PDB file of N, CA and C in Angstrom:
ATOM      1  N   MET A   1      98.536 -45.036 -44.686  1.00  0.00           N
ATOM      2  CA  MET A   1      99.981 -44.878 -44.739  1.00  0.00           C
ATOM      3  C   MET A   1     100.309 -43.403 -44.597  1.00  0.00           C
ATOM      4  N   THR A   2     101.320 -43.105 -43.804  1.00  0.00           N
ATOM      5  CA  THR A   2     101.798 -41.737 -43.653  1.00  0.00           C
ATOM      6  C   THR A   2     103.261 -41.707 -44.050  1.00  0.00           C
ATOM      7  N   THR A   3     103.607 -40.760 -44.900  1.00  0.00           N
ATOM      8  CA  THR A   3     104.982 -40.587 -45.338  1.00  0.00           C
ATOM      9  C   THR A   3     105.331 -39.114 -45.221  1.00  0.00           C
ATOM     10  N   HIS A   4     106.472 -38.823 -44.620  1.00  0.00           N
ATOM     11  CA  HIS A   4     106.947 -37.441 -44.541  1.00  0.00           C
ATOM     12  C   HIS A   4     107.971 -37.258 -45.648  1.00  0.00           C
ATOM     13  N   VAL A   5     107.797 -36.237 -46.448  1.00  0.00           N
ATOM     14  CA  VAL A   5     108.734 -35.989 -47.539  1.00  0.00           C
ATOM     15  C   VAL A   5     108.938 -34.488 -47.682  1.00  0.00           C
ATOM     16  N   THR A   6     110.133 -34.117 -48.035  1.00  0.00           N
ATOM     17  CA  THR A   6     110.444 -32.724 -48.329  1.00  0.00           C
ATOM     18  C   THR A   6     110.182 -32.491 -49.808  1.00  0.00           C
ATOM     19  N   ALA A   7     109.630 -31.338 -50.109  1.00  0.00           N
ATOM     20  CA  ALA A   7     109.342 -30.994 -51.498  1.00  0.00           C
ATOM     21  C   ALA A   7     109.805 -29.567 -51.761  1.00  0.00           C
ATOM     22  N   VAL A   8     110.016 -29.285 -53.033  1.00  0.00           N
ATOM     23  CA  VAL A   8     110.395 -27.944 -53.473  1.00  0.00           C
ATOM     24  C   VAL A   8     109.257 -27.411 -54.333  1.00  0.00           C
ATOM     25  N   TYR A   9     108.865 -26.183 -54.076  1.00  0.00           N
ATOM     26  CA  TYR A   9     107.792 -25.556 -54.839  1.00  0.00           C
ATOM     27  C   TYR A   9     108.421 -24.820 -56.022  1.00  0.00           C
ATOM     28  N   GLU A  10     108.084 -25.258 -57.245  1.00  0.00           N
ATOM     29  CA  GLU A  10     108.636 -24.670 -58.472  1.00  0.00           C
ATOM     30  C   GLU A  10     107.525 -24.480 -59.495  1.00  0.00           C
ATOM     31  N   ASN A  11     107.392 -23.274 -60.001  1.00  0.00           N
ATOM     32  CA  ASN A  11     106.429 -22.988 -61.064  1.00  0.00           C
ATOM     33  C   ASN A  11     105.022 -23.499 -60.739  1.00  0.00           C
ATOM     34  N   GLY A  12     104.583 -23.318 -59.492  1.00  0.00           N
ATOM     35  CA  GLY A  12     103.238 -23.713 -59.107  1.00  0.00           C
ATOM     36  C   GLY A  12     103.050 -25.180 -58.802  1.00  0.00           C
ATOM     37  N   VAL A  13     104.140 -25.943 -58.750  1.00  0.00           N
ATOM     38  CA  VAL A  13     104.039 -27.391 -58.520  1.00  0.00           C
ATOM     39  C   VAL A  13     104.973 -27.788 -57.376  1.00  0.00           C
ATOM     40  N   LEU A  14     104.465 -28.643 -56.468  1.00  0.00           N
ATOM     41  CA  LEU A  14     105.322 -29.209 -55.436  1.00  0.00           C
ATOM     42  C   LEU A  14     106.043 -30.419 -56.012  1.00  0.00           C
ATOM     43  N   ARG A  15     107.370 -30.427 -55.934  1.00  0.00           N
ATOM     44  CA  ARG A  15     108.175 -31.539 -56.448  1.00  0.00           C
ATOM     45  C   ARG A  15     108.893 -32.206 -55.274  1.00  0.00           C
ATOM     46  N   PRO A  16     108.526 -33.475 -54.961  1.00  0.00           N
ATOM     47  CA  PRO A  16     109.202 -34.194 -53.867  1.00  0.00           C
ATOM     48  C   PRO A  16     110.688 -34.354 -54.171  1.00  0.00           C
ATOM     49  N   THR A  17     111.488 -34.326 -53.104  1.00  0.00           N
ATOM     50  CA  THR A  17     112.927 -34.488 -53.274  1.00  0.00           C
ATOM     51  C   THR A  17     113.351 -35.947 -53.331  1.00  0.00           C
ATOM     52  N   LYS A  18     112.388 -36.863 -53.094  1.00  0.00           N
ATOM     53  CA  LYS A  18     112.671 -38.296 -53.221  1.00  0.00           C
ATOM     54  C   LYS A  18     111.416 -38.978 -53.762  1.00  0.00           C
ATOM     55  N   PRO A  19     111.569 -40.154 -54.370  1.00  0.00           N
ATOM     56  CA  PRO A  19     110.400 -40.862 -54.915  1.00  0.00           C
ATOM     57  C   PRO A  19     109.399 -41.214 -53.820  1.00  0.00           C
ATOM     58  N   LEU A  20     108.122 -41.214 -54.197  1.00  0.00           N
ATOM     59  CA  LEU A  20     107.053 -41.569 -53.267  1.00  0.00           C
ATOM     60  C   LEU A  20     106.483 -42.934 -53.622  1.00  0.00           C
ATOM     61  N   PRO A  21     106.029 -43.692 -52.623  1.00  0.00           N
ATOM     62  CA  PRO A  21     105.454 -45.023 -52.885  1.00  0.00           C
ATOM     63  C   PRO A  21     103.996 -44.914 -53.330  1.00  0.00           C
ATOM     64  N   LEU A  22     103.763 -44.253 -54.456  1.00  0.00           N
ATOM     65  CA  LEU A  22     102.411 -44.013 -54.964  1.00  0.00           C
ATOM     66  C   LEU A  22     102.296 -44.473 -56.406  1.00  0.00           C
ATOM     67  N   LYS A  23     101.051 -44.773 -56.801  1.00  0.00           N
ATOM     68  CA  LYS A  23     100.773 -45.103 -58.198  1.00  0.00           C
ATOM     69  C   LYS A  23     100.092 -43.894 -58.830  1.00  0.00           C
ATOM     70  N   ASP A  24     100.177 -43.782 -60.150  1.00  0.00           N
ATOM     71  CA  ASP A  24      99.473 -42.711 -60.844  1.00  0.00           C
ATOM     72  C   ASP A  24      97.998 -42.764 -60.480  1.00  0.00           C
ATOM     73  N   GLY A  25      97.434 -41.626 -60.177  1.00  0.00           N
ATOM     74  CA  GLY A  25      96.023 -41.542 -59.847  1.00  0.00           C
ATOM     75  C   GLY A  25      95.717 -41.675 -58.364  1.00  0.00           C
ATOM     76  N   ASP A  26      96.708 -42.068 -57.537  1.00  0.00           N
ATOM     77  CA  ASP A  26      96.474 -42.155 -56.092  1.00  0.00           C
ATOM     78  C   ASP A  26      96.157 -40.760 -55.553  1.00  0.00           C
ATOM     79  N   ARG A  27      95.167 -40.687 -54.674  1.00  0.00           N
ATOM     80  CA  ARG A  27      94.813 -39.422 -54.046  1.00  0.00           C
ATOM     81  C   ARG A  27      95.528 -39.361 -52.698  1.00  0.00           C
ATOM     82  N   VAL A  28      96.004 -38.184 -52.337  1.00  0.00           N
ATOM     83  CA  VAL A  28      96.696 -37.987 -51.069  1.00  0.00           C
ATOM     84  C   VAL A  28      96.170 -36.718 -50.406  1.00  0.00           C
ATOM     85  N   GLU A  29      96.400 -36.586 -49.121  1.00  0.00           N
ATOM     86  CA  GLU A  29      96.105 -35.358 -48.401  1.00  0.00           C
ATOM     87  C   GLU A  29      97.432 -34.733 -48.018  1.00  0.00           C
ATOM     88  N   LEU A  30      97.532 -33.430 -48.168  1.00  0.00           N
ATOM     89  CA  LEU A  30      98.776 -32.726 -47.886  1.00  0.00           C
ATOM     90  C   LEU A  30      98.598 -31.762 -46.732  1.00  0.00           C
ATOM     91  N   THR A  31      99.606 -31.684 -45.905  1.00  0.00           N
ATOM     92  CA  THR A  31      99.742 -30.622 -44.916  1.00  0.00           C
ATOM     93  C   THR A  31     101.062 -29.959 -45.247  1.00  0.00           C
ATOM     94  N   VAL A  32     101.029 -28.708 -45.592  1.00  0.00           N
ATOM     95  CA  VAL A  32     102.252 -28.018 -46.004  1.00  0.00           C
ATOM     96  C   VAL A  32     102.787 -27.226 -44.818  1.00  0.00           C
ATOM     97  N   GLU A  33     104.035 -27.485 -44.489  1.00  0.00           N
ATOM     98  CA  GLU A  33     104.710 -26.778 -43.408  1.00  0.00           C
ATOM     99  C   GLU A  33     105.982 -26.174 -43.972  1.00  0.00           C
ATOM    100  N   VAL A  34     106.087 -24.867 -43.891  1.00  0.00           N
ATOM    101  CA  VAL A  34     107.304 -24.209 -44.343  1.00  0.00           C
ATOM    102  C   VAL A  34     108.265 -24.248 -43.163  1.00  0.00           C
ATOM    103  N   PRO A  35     109.419 -24.931 -43.322  1.00  0.00           N
ATOM    104  CA  PRO A  35     110.336 -25.060 -42.192  1.00  0.00           C
ATOM    105  C   PRO A  35     110.899 -23.704 -41.775  1.00  0.00           C
ATOM    106  N   ALA A  36     111.277 -23.640 -40.495  1.00  0.00           N
ATOM    107  CA  ALA A  36     111.976 -22.453 -40.028  1.00  0.00           C
ATOM    108  C   ALA A  36     113.212 -22.286 -40.895  1.00  0.00           C
ATOM    109  N   GLU A  37     113.835 -21.172 -40.780  1.00  0.00           N
ATOM    110  CA  GLU A  37     115.004 -20.905 -41.622  1.00  0.00           C
ATOM    111  C   GLU A  37     115.932 -22.111 -41.623  1.00  0.00           C
ATOM    112  N   ALA A  38     116.110 -22.700 -42.803  1.00  0.00           N
ATOM    113  CA  ALA A  38     116.946 -23.895 -42.927  1.00  0.00           C
ATOM    114  C   ALA A  38     118.355 -23.588 -42.440  1.00  0.00           C
ATOM    115  N   GLY A  39     118.944 -24.556 -41.794  1.00  0.00           N
ATOM    116  CA  GLY A  39     120.317 -24.397 -41.353  1.00  0.00           C
ATOM    117  C   GLY A  39     120.459 -23.734 -39.994  1.00  0.00           C
ATOM    118  N   THR A  40     119.352 -23.604 -39.254  1.00  0.00           N
ATOM    119  CA  THR A  40     119.437 -23.028 -37.914  1.00  0.00           C
ATOM    120  C   THR A  40     119.342 -24.154 -36.887  1.00  0.00           C
ATOM    121  N   PRO A  41     119.885 -23.939 -35.697  1.00  0.00           N
ATOM    122  CA  PRO A  41     119.756 -24.964 -34.664  1.00  0.00           C
ATOM    123  C   PRO A  41     118.296 -25.291 -34.338  1.00  0.00           C
ATOM    124  N   ASP A  42     117.416 -24.277 -34.326  1.00  0.00           N
ATOM    125  CA  ASP A  42     115.996 -24.532 -34.048  1.00  0.00           C
ATOM    126  C   ASP A  42     115.387 -25.458 -35.096  1.00  0.00           C
ATOM    127  N   GLU A  43     115.727 -25.246 -36.356  1.00  0.00           N
ATOM    128  CA  GLU A  43     115.211 -26.099 -37.423  1.00  0.00           C
ATOM    129  C   GLU A  43     115.766 -27.516 -37.283  1.00  0.00           C
ATOM    130  N   ALA A  44     117.034 -27.634 -36.915  1.00  0.00           N
ATOM    131  CA  ALA A  44     117.642 -28.959 -36.736  1.00  0.00           C
ATOM    132  C   ALA A  44     116.924 -29.729 -35.631  1.00  0.00           C
ATOM    133  N   VAL A  45     116.650 -29.077 -34.516  1.00  0.00           N
ATOM    134  CA  VAL A  45     115.948 -29.730 -33.409  1.00  0.00           C
ATOM    135  C   VAL A  45     114.540 -30.119 -33.841  1.00  0.00           C
ATOM    136  N   ARG A  46     113.842 -29.233 -34.541  1.00  0.00           N
ATOM    137  CA  ARG A  46     112.484 -29.529 -35.005  1.00  0.00           C
ATOM    138  C   ARG A  46     112.481 -30.760 -35.899  1.00  0.00           C
ATOM    139  N   ARG A  47     113.448 -30.842 -36.825  1.00  0.00           N
ATOM    140  CA  ARG A  47     113.514 -31.994 -37.727  1.00  0.00           C
ATOM    141  C   ARG A  47     113.795 -33.284 -36.965  1.00  0.00           C
ATOM    142  N   ILE A  48     114.686 -33.238 -35.993  1.00  0.00           N
ATOM    143  CA  ILE A  48     115.006 -34.439 -35.212  1.00  0.00           C
ATOM    144  C   ILE A  48     113.774 -34.895 -34.432  1.00  0.00           C
ATOM    145  N   LEU A  49     113.095 -33.962 -33.785  1.00  0.00           N
ATOM    146  CA  LEU A  49     111.933 -34.315 -32.970  1.00  0.00           C
ATOM    147  C   LEU A  49     110.741 -34.772 -33.797  1.00  0.00           C
ATOM    148  N   SER A  50     110.631 -34.297 -35.038  1.00  0.00           N
ATOM    149  CA  SER A  50     109.475 -34.665 -35.854  1.00  0.00           C
ATOM    150  C   SER A  50     109.745 -35.866 -36.769  1.00  0.00           C
ATOM    151  N   ALA A  51     110.951 -36.414 -36.714  1.00  0.00           N
ATOM    152  CA  ALA A  51     111.279 -37.561 -37.569  1.00  0.00           C
ATOM    153  C   ALA A  51     110.339 -38.724 -37.278  1.00  0.00           C
ATOM    154  N   LYS A  52     109.827 -39.334 -38.332  1.00  0.00           N
ATOM    155  CA  LYS A  52     108.897 -40.455 -38.196  1.00  0.00           C
ATOM    156  C   LYS A  52     109.578 -41.803 -38.443  1.00  0.00           C
ATOM    157  N   THR A  53     110.734 -41.766 -39.089  1.00  0.00           N
ATOM    158  CA  THR A  53     111.466 -43.000 -39.373  1.00  0.00           C
ATOM    159  C   THR A  53     112.915 -42.828 -38.924  1.00  0.00           C
ATOM    160  N   PHE A  54     113.596 -43.951 -38.803  1.00  0.00           N
ATOM    161  CA  PHE A  54     115.010 -43.905 -38.430  1.00  0.00           C
ATOM    162  C   PHE A  54     115.810 -43.156 -39.496  1.00  0.00           C
ATOM    163  N   ASP A  55     115.492 -43.382 -40.776  1.00  0.00           N
ATOM    164  CA  ASP A  55     116.202 -42.686 -41.858  1.00  0.00           C
ATOM    165  C   ASP A  55     116.025 -41.178 -41.769  1.00  0.00           C
ATOM    166  N   GLU A  56     114.803 -40.732 -41.446  1.00  0.00           N
ATOM    167  CA  GLU A  56     114.567 -39.292 -41.291  1.00  0.00           C
ATOM    168  C   GLU A  56     115.364 -38.745 -40.115  1.00  0.00           C
ATOM    169  N   TRP A  57     115.409 -39.521 -39.023  1.00  0.00           N
ATOM    170  CA  TRP A  57     116.153 -39.080 -37.845  1.00  0.00           C
ATOM    171  C   TRP A  57     117.644 -38.953 -38.166  1.00  0.00           C
ATOM    172  N   ILE A  58     118.185 -39.945 -38.871  1.00  0.00           N
ATOM    173  CA  ILE A  58     119.610 -39.912 -39.241  1.00  0.00           C
ATOM    174  C   ILE A  58     119.894 -38.699 -40.133  1.00  0.00           C
ATOM    175  N   ALA A  59     119.040 -38.463 -41.138  1.00  0.00           N
ATOM    176  CA  ALA A  59     119.241 -37.317 -42.031  1.00  0.00           C
ATOM    177  C   ALA A  59     119.196 -36.007 -41.245  1.00  0.00           C
ATOM    178  N   ALA A  60     118.260 -35.894 -40.310  1.00  0.00           N
ATOM    179  CA  ALA A  60     118.154 -34.680 -39.502  1.00  0.00           C
ATOM    180  C   ALA A  60     119.373 -34.512 -38.595  1.00  0.00           C
ATOM    181  N   ALA A  61     119.824 -35.612 -38.002  1.00  0.00           N
ATOM    182  CA  ALA A  61     121.001 -35.547 -37.133  1.00  0.00           C
ATOM    183  C   ALA A  61     122.249 -35.199 -37.929  1.00  0.00           C
ATOM    184  N   ASP A  62     122.372 -35.745 -39.125  1.00  0.00           N
ATOM    185  CA  ASP A  62     123.515 -35.399 -39.987  1.00  0.00           C
ATOM    186  C   ASP A  62     123.505 -33.917 -40.323  1.00  0.00           C
ATOM    187  N   ALA A  63     122.322 -33.388 -40.642  1.00  0.00           N
ATOM    188  CA  ALA A  63     122.210 -31.964 -40.966  1.00  0.00           C
ATOM    189  C   ALA A  63     122.557 -31.113 -39.743  1.00  0.00           C
ATOM    190  N   ALA A  64     122.134 -31.554 -38.566  1.00  0.00           N
ATOM    191  CA  ALA A  64     122.437 -30.813 -37.339  1.00  0.00           C
ATOM    192  C   ALA A  64     123.932 -30.826 -37.052  1.00  0.00           C
ATOM    193  N   ALA A  65     124.582 -31.948 -37.323  1.00  0.00           N
ATOM    194  CA  ALA A  65     126.026 -32.044 -37.079  1.00  0.00           C
ATOM    195  C   ALA A  65     126.794 -31.034 -37.916  1.00  0.00           C
ATOM    196  N   ALA A  66     126.278 -30.732 -39.101  1.00  0.00           N
ATOM    197  CA  ALA A  66     126.949 -29.769 -39.970  1.00  0.00           C
ATOM    198  C   ALA A  66     126.870 -28.354 -39.400  1.00  0.00           C
ATOM    199  N   LEU A  67     125.976 -28.108 -38.444  1.00  0.00           N
ATOM    200  CA  LEU A  67     125.828 -26.783 -37.851  1.00  0.00           C
ATOM    201  C   LEU A  67     126.798 -26.542 -36.703  1.00  0.00           C
ATOM    202  N   GLU A  68     127.491 -27.599 -36.252  1.00  0.00           N
ATOM    203  CA  GLU A  68     128.417 -27.444 -35.130  1.00  0.00           C
ATOM    204  C   GLU A  68     129.550 -26.507 -35.513  1.00  0.00           C
ATOM    205  N   PRO A  69     129.922 -25.616 -34.609  1.00  0.00           N
ATOM    206  CA  PRO A  69     131.046 -24.729 -34.902  1.00  0.00           C
ATOM    207  C   PRO A  69     132.342 -25.521 -35.054  1.00  0.00           C
ATOM    208  N   ALA A  70     133.220 -25.033 -35.889  1.00  0.00           N
ATOM    209  CA  ALA A  70     134.507 -25.707 -36.090  1.00  0.00           C
ATOM    210  C   ALA A  70     135.225 -25.834 -34.754  1.00  0.00           C
ATOM    211  N   GLY A  71     135.806 -27.002 -34.531  1.00  0.00           N
ATOM    212  CA  GLY A  71     136.566 -27.231 -33.318  1.00  0.00           C
ATOM    213  C   GLY A  71     135.739 -27.727 -32.142  1.00  0.00           C
ATOM    214  N   SER A  72     134.417 -27.818 -32.299  1.00  0.00           N
ATOM    215  CA  SER A  72     133.605 -28.316 -31.187  1.00  0.00           C
ATOM    216  C   SER A  72     133.744 -29.831 -31.109  1.00  0.00           C
ATOM    217  N   ASP A  73     133.457 -30.374 -29.941  1.00  0.00           N
ATOM    218  CA  ASP A  73     133.554 -31.822 -29.755  1.00  0.00           C
ATOM    219  C   ASP A  73     132.573 -32.531 -30.675  1.00  0.00           C
ATOM    220  N   ASP A  74     132.989 -33.646 -31.187  1.00  0.00           N
ATOM    221  CA  ASP A  74     132.092 -34.400 -32.060  1.00  0.00           C
ATOM    222  C   ASP A  74     131.261 -35.380 -31.238  1.00  0.00           C
ATOM    223  N   LEU A  75     130.328 -36.042 -31.881  1.00  0.00           N
ATOM    224  CA  LEU A  75     129.390 -36.934 -31.213  1.00  0.00           C
ATOM    225  C   LEU A  75     130.108 -38.077 -30.495  1.00  0.00           C
ATOM    226  N   LEU A  76     131.132 -38.669 -31.123  1.00  0.00           N
ATOM    227  CA  LEU A  76     131.831 -39.783 -30.478  1.00  0.00           C
ATOM    228  C   LEU A  76     132.508 -39.358 -29.186  1.00  0.00           C
ATOM    229  N   VAL A  77     133.063 -38.166 -29.171  1.00  0.00           N
ATOM    230  CA  VAL A  77     133.701 -37.674 -27.950  1.00  0.00           C
ATOM    231  C   VAL A  77     132.652 -37.519 -26.852  1.00  0.00           C
ATOM    232  N   ALA A  78     131.492 -36.956 -27.213  1.00  0.00           N
ATOM    233  CA  ALA A  78     130.414 -36.774 -26.228  1.00  0.00           C
ATOM    234  C   ALA A  78     129.904 -38.121 -25.726  1.00  0.00           C
ATOM    235  N   LEU A  79     129.708 -39.080 -26.628  1.00  0.00           N
ATOM    236  CA  LEU A  79     129.264 -40.414 -26.220  1.00  0.00           C
ATOM    237  C   LEU A  79     130.296 -41.082 -25.317  1.00  0.00           C
ATOM    238  N   ASN A  80     131.553 -40.952 -25.664  1.00  0.00           N
ATOM    239  CA  ASN A  80     132.613 -41.548 -24.855  1.00  0.00           C
ATOM    240  C   ASN A  80     132.604 -40.963 -23.441  1.00  0.00           C
ATOM    241  N   GLU A  81     132.428 -39.640 -23.351  1.00  0.00           N
ATOM    242  CA  GLU A  81     132.424 -38.994 -22.043  1.00  0.00           C
ATOM    243  C   GLU A  81     131.238 -39.476 -21.206  1.00  0.00           C
ATOM    244  N   THR A  82     130.078 -39.624 -21.822  1.00  0.00           N
ATOM    245  CA  THR A  82     128.901 -40.130 -21.120  1.00  0.00           C
ATOM    246  C   THR A  82     129.143 -41.549 -20.627  1.00  0.00           C
ATOM    247  N   ARG A  83     129.743 -42.386 -21.460  1.00  0.00           N
ATOM    248  CA  ARG A  83     130.034 -43.778 -21.072  1.00  0.00           C
ATOM    249  C   ARG A  83     131.070 -43.812 -19.958  1.00  0.00           C
ATOM    250  N   ARG A  84     132.085 -42.942 -20.021  1.00  0.00           N
ATOM    251  CA  ARG A  84     133.114 -42.906 -18.980  1.00  0.00           C
ATOM    252  C   ARG A  84     132.484 -42.549 -17.643  1.00  0.00           C
ATOM    253  N   ARG A  85     131.600 -41.542 -17.632  1.00  0.00           N
ATOM    254  CA  ARG A  85     130.951 -41.119 -16.387  1.00  0.00           C
ATOM    255  C   ARG A  85     130.053 -42.216 -15.808  1.00  0.00           C
ATOM    256  N   ALA A  86     129.468 -43.023 -16.674  1.00  0.00           N
ATOM    257  CA  ALA A  86     128.581 -44.104 -16.219  1.00  0.00           C
ATOM    258  C   ALA A  86     129.356 -45.369 -15.870  1.00  0.00           C
ATOM    259  N   GLY A  87     130.669 -45.357 -16.069  1.00  0.00           N
ATOM    260  CA  GLY A  87     131.474 -46.531 -15.768  1.00  0.00           C
ATOM    261  C   GLY A  87     131.386 -47.612 -16.828  1.00  0.00           C
ATOM    262  N   GLU A  88     130.911 -47.253 -18.004  1.00  0.00           N
ATOM    263  CA  GLU A  88     130.781 -48.218 -19.097  1.00  0.00           C
ATOM    264  C   GLU A  88     132.047 -48.228 -19.956  1.00  0.00           C
ATOM    265  N   ARG A  89     132.168 -49.296 -20.765  1.00  0.00           N
ATOM    266  CA  ARG A  89     133.298 -49.418 -21.684  1.00  0.00           C
ATOM    267  C   ARG A  89     133.258 -48.278 -22.704  1.00  0.00           C
ATOM    268  N   LEU A  90     134.402 -47.677 -22.980  1.00  0.00           N
ATOM    269  CA  LEU A  90     134.478 -46.579 -23.946  1.00  0.00           C
ATOM    270  C   LEU A  90     134.334 -47.106 -25.369  1.00  0.00           C
ATOM    271  N   LEU A  91     133.796 -46.261 -26.237  1.00  0.00           N
ATOM    272  CA  LEU A  91     133.651 -46.631 -27.646  1.00  0.00           C
ATOM    273  C   LEU A  91     134.999 -46.691 -28.334  1.00  0.00           C
ATOM    274  N   PHE A  92     135.913 -45.827 -27.933  1.00  0.00           N
ATOM    275  CA  PHE A  92     137.267 -45.814 -28.476  1.00  0.00           C
ATOM    276  C   PHE A  92     138.179 -45.202 -27.423  1.00  0.00           C
ATOM    277  N   LEU A  93     139.422 -45.587 -27.451  1.00  0.00           N
ATOM    278  CA  LEU A  93     140.386 -44.976 -26.546  1.00  0.00           C
ATOM    279  C   LEU A  93     140.711 -43.593 -27.080  1.00  0.00           C
ATOM    280  N   PRO A  94     140.861 -42.607 -26.212  1.00  0.00           N
ATOM    281  CA  PRO A  94     141.113 -41.237 -26.677  1.00  0.00           C
ATOM    282  C   PRO A  94     142.285 -41.134 -27.655  1.00  0.00           C
ATOM    283  N   GLU A  95     143.321 -41.968 -27.448  1.00  0.00           N
ATOM    284  CA  GLU A  95     144.476 -41.886 -28.355  1.00  0.00           C
ATOM    285  C   GLU A  95     144.175 -42.460 -29.743  1.00  0.00           C
ATOM    286  N   HIS A  96     143.031 -43.166 -29.901  1.00  0.00           N
ATOM    287  CA  HIS A  96     142.660 -43.720 -31.199  1.00  0.00           C
ATOM    288  C   HIS A  96     141.642 -42.860 -31.940  1.00  0.00           C
ATOM    289  N   LYS A  97     141.242 -41.740 -31.357  1.00  0.00           N
ATOM    290  CA  LYS A  97     140.269 -40.871 -32.019  1.00  0.00           C
ATOM    291  C   LYS A  97     140.822 -40.434 -33.376  1.00  0.00           C
ATOM    292  N   GLY A  98     140.015 -40.567 -34.389  1.00  0.00           N
ATOM    293  CA  GLY A  98     140.415 -40.129 -35.721  1.00  0.00           C
ATOM    294  C   GLY A  98     141.131 -41.192 -36.526  1.00  0.00           C
ATOM    295  N   ILE A  99     141.419 -42.359 -35.935  1.00  0.00           N
ATOM    296  CA  ILE A  99     142.084 -43.429 -36.667  1.00  0.00           C
ATOM    297  C   ILE A  99     141.020 -44.197 -37.451  1.00  0.00           C
ATOM    298  N   ASP A 100     141.242 -44.359 -38.724  1.00  0.00           N
ATOM    299  CA  ASP A 100     140.295 -45.077 -39.578  1.00  0.00           C
ATOM    300  C   ASP A 100     140.589 -46.566 -39.490  1.00  0.00           C
ATOM    301  N   TRP A 101     139.706 -47.312 -38.833  1.00  0.00           N
ATOM    302  CA  TRP A 101     139.939 -48.746 -38.660  1.00  0.00           C
ATOM    303  C   TRP A 101     139.676 -49.419 -39.951  1.00  0.00           C
TER     304      TRP A 101
END
């Protein structure tokens, strides 16, 4: 089994940021990778590309979205534009953007 987890190093101990599917006494092998400066576009791309599960990918994509400059197009606008260019049905009509269904 392989599980990717983020941990915080405190007082000489690595503390996972989420529970692990392990029992007391289970032996594990660790590879420690210090991420690039957190909150940078390079780190966001690295996290997205290295995601092993859908949940990890979503968390990485959410973190990357927070790095977008204010006023930049959001993901739905970009997806809509791609669908429009391909002749596909739009996800939402432009006049409905921001309406909470």
